[in-house]
Protein backbone atom coordinates (compact mmCIF):
# COMPACT_ATOMS: atom_id res chain seq x y z
CA UNK A 1 21.01 -2.97 7.74
CA UNK A 2 21.06 -0.47 10.59
CA UNK A 3 18.39 1.83 11.99
CA UNK A 4 19.60 4.41 9.49
CA UNK A 5 17.50 2.54 6.94
CA UNK A 6 14.50 4.10 8.74
CA UNK A 7 15.77 7.67 8.44
CA UNK A 8 12.99 8.33 5.90
CA UNK A 9 10.39 7.48 8.55
CA UNK A 10 12.10 9.69 11.12
CA UNK A 11 12.28 12.62 8.72
CA UNK A 12 8.62 12.27 7.66
CA UNK A 13 7.38 12.10 11.25
CA UNK A 14 9.61 15.02 12.23
CA UNK A 15 8.09 17.04 9.37
CA UNK A 16 4.63 16.08 10.67
CA UNK A 17 5.39 17.56 14.09
CA UNK A 18 6.55 14.48 15.98
CA UNK A 19 9.38 15.29 18.38
CA UNK A 20 12.61 13.37 18.82
CA UNK A 21 13.80 11.99 22.11
CA UNK A 22 16.75 13.94 23.55
CA UNK A 23 18.89 10.80 23.78
CA UNK A 24 17.89 9.33 20.40
CA UNK A 25 16.34 12.08 18.25
CA UNK A 26 16.13 9.99 15.04
CA UNK A 27 15.39 6.62 16.58
CA UNK A 28 12.53 7.54 18.91
CA UNK A 29 9.86 10.09 18.05
CA UNK A 30 6.69 11.05 19.95
CA UNK A 31 3.47 12.60 18.76
CA UNK A 32 2.77 15.61 21.00
CA UNK A 33 -0.99 15.16 21.34
CA UNK A 34 -1.71 11.43 21.22
CA UNK A 35 1.57 10.46 22.92
CA UNK A 36 2.07 7.81 20.23
CA UNK A 37 5.71 6.72 20.08
CA UNK A 38 7.58 5.38 17.07
CA UNK A 39 10.93 3.70 17.66
CA UNK A 40 13.55 1.67 15.86
CA UNK A 41 13.82 -1.59 17.79
CA UNK A 42 16.60 -3.59 16.15
CA UNK A 43 19.56 -3.54 13.79
CA UNK A 44 17.56 -5.03 10.89
CA UNK A 45 15.34 -1.97 10.51
CA UNK A 46 12.52 -3.30 12.66
CA UNK A 47 10.49 -0.62 14.35
CA UNK A 48 7.33 -0.30 16.40
CA UNK A 49 4.52 2.14 17.01
CA UNK A 50 3.30 2.33 20.61
CA UNK A 51 -0.21 3.75 20.95
CA UNK A 52 -0.95 4.42 24.62
CA UNK A 53 -4.20 6.21 23.74
CA UNK A 54 -5.41 2.97 22.09
CA UNK A 55 -3.63 0.51 24.38
CA UNK A 56 -1.77 -1.12 21.49
CA UNK A 57 1.69 -1.62 20.05
CA UNK A 58 2.21 -2.32 16.36
CA UNK A 59 5.47 -4.00 15.31
CA UNK A 60 6.92 -3.42 11.83
CA UNK A 61 9.59 -5.88 10.67
CA UNK A 62 12.47 -4.39 8.69
CA UNK A 63 10.97 -5.62 5.39
CA UNK A 64 7.92 -3.33 5.74
CA UNK A 65 8.36 -0.30 3.43
CA UNK A 66 8.86 3.12 5.01
CA UNK A 67 5.72 4.43 3.28
CA UNK A 68 3.59 1.85 5.11
CA UNK A 69 5.16 2.71 8.48
CA UNK A 70 4.72 6.44 7.87
CA UNK A 71 1.08 6.02 6.82
CA UNK A 72 0.34 3.88 9.88
CA UNK A 73 1.94 6.41 12.22
CA UNK A 74 0.10 9.35 10.69
CA UNK A 75 -3.22 7.50 10.62
CA UNK A 76 -2.89 6.37 14.24
CA UNK A 77 -2.16 9.92 15.35
CA UNK A 78 -5.10 11.35 13.40
CA UNK A 79 -2.85 13.12 10.91
CA UNK A 80 -3.92 11.12 7.87
CA UNK A 81 -7.50 11.44 6.70
CA UNK A 82 -8.94 8.08 5.69
CA UNK A 83 -9.75 7.68 2.02
CA UNK A 84 -13.39 7.57 1.06
CA UNK A 85 -14.55 4.01 0.90
CA UNK A 86 -15.62 2.36 -2.32
CA UNK A 87 -19.30 2.25 -1.27
CA UNK A 88 -19.37 6.05 -0.91
CA UNK A 89 -17.61 6.50 -4.25
CA UNK A 90 -20.05 4.10 -5.92
CA UNK A 91 -23.03 5.95 -4.43
CA UNK A 92 -21.64 9.28 -5.70
CA UNK A 93 -21.10 7.78 -9.15
CA UNK A 94 -24.66 6.41 -9.26
CA UNK A 95 -26.07 9.79 -8.17
CA UNK A 96 -24.08 11.58 -10.86
CA UNK A 97 -25.37 9.11 -13.43
CA UNK A 98 -28.96 9.87 -12.36
CA UNK A 99 -28.33 13.62 -12.56
CA UNK A 100 -26.87 13.27 -16.05
CA UNK A 101 -29.84 11.12 -17.13
CA UNK A 102 -32.15 13.88 -15.86
CA UNK A 103 -30.39 16.42 -18.09
CA UNK A 104 -27.88 17.96 -15.71
CA UNK A 105 -25.39 18.33 -18.55
CA UNK A 106 -27.81 20.68 -20.33
CA UNK A 107 -28.45 22.78 -17.22
CA UNK A 108 -27.28 26.39 -17.56
CA UNK A 109 -25.11 26.13 -14.43
CA UNK A 110 -23.05 23.23 -15.73
CA UNK A 111 -20.56 25.65 -17.32
CA UNK A 112 -20.08 27.38 -13.96
CA UNK A 113 -19.49 23.98 -12.32
CA UNK A 114 -16.90 23.09 -14.97
CA UNK A 115 -15.13 26.39 -14.35
CA UNK A 116 -15.08 25.73 -10.58
CA UNK A 117 -13.63 22.25 -11.21
CA UNK A 118 -10.94 23.69 -13.50
CA UNK A 119 -9.97 26.29 -10.88
CA UNK A 120 -9.78 23.64 -8.13
CA UNK A 121 -7.65 21.35 -10.28
CA UNK A 122 -5.29 24.24 -11.06
CA UNK A 123 -4.93 24.58 -7.37
């Protein structure tokens, strides 16, 4: 395996605005604002994410999937919004259950809310 196995990571970061190094444009990319640096470090597809703004370096062995590396890079640079945690989702679900028990589904505005949801899902 060569560093070319990480071309998917390089392309994803490039699309997200990371810039390639002039000497190694697909093997070393920098985030313009955080100065985070992603680089291929060995012939087996190993790579690393250097985070000077956090004082950390994260190594990724070649067996780590590209999707994981990409997500880590985007999250570390503030380009990936964290998912809502399960506690927040559970609280929302409980609140909706209470609203439905109070008769929300018979409220005159529920049809408008359904229409808004349909429009948002259609995108």
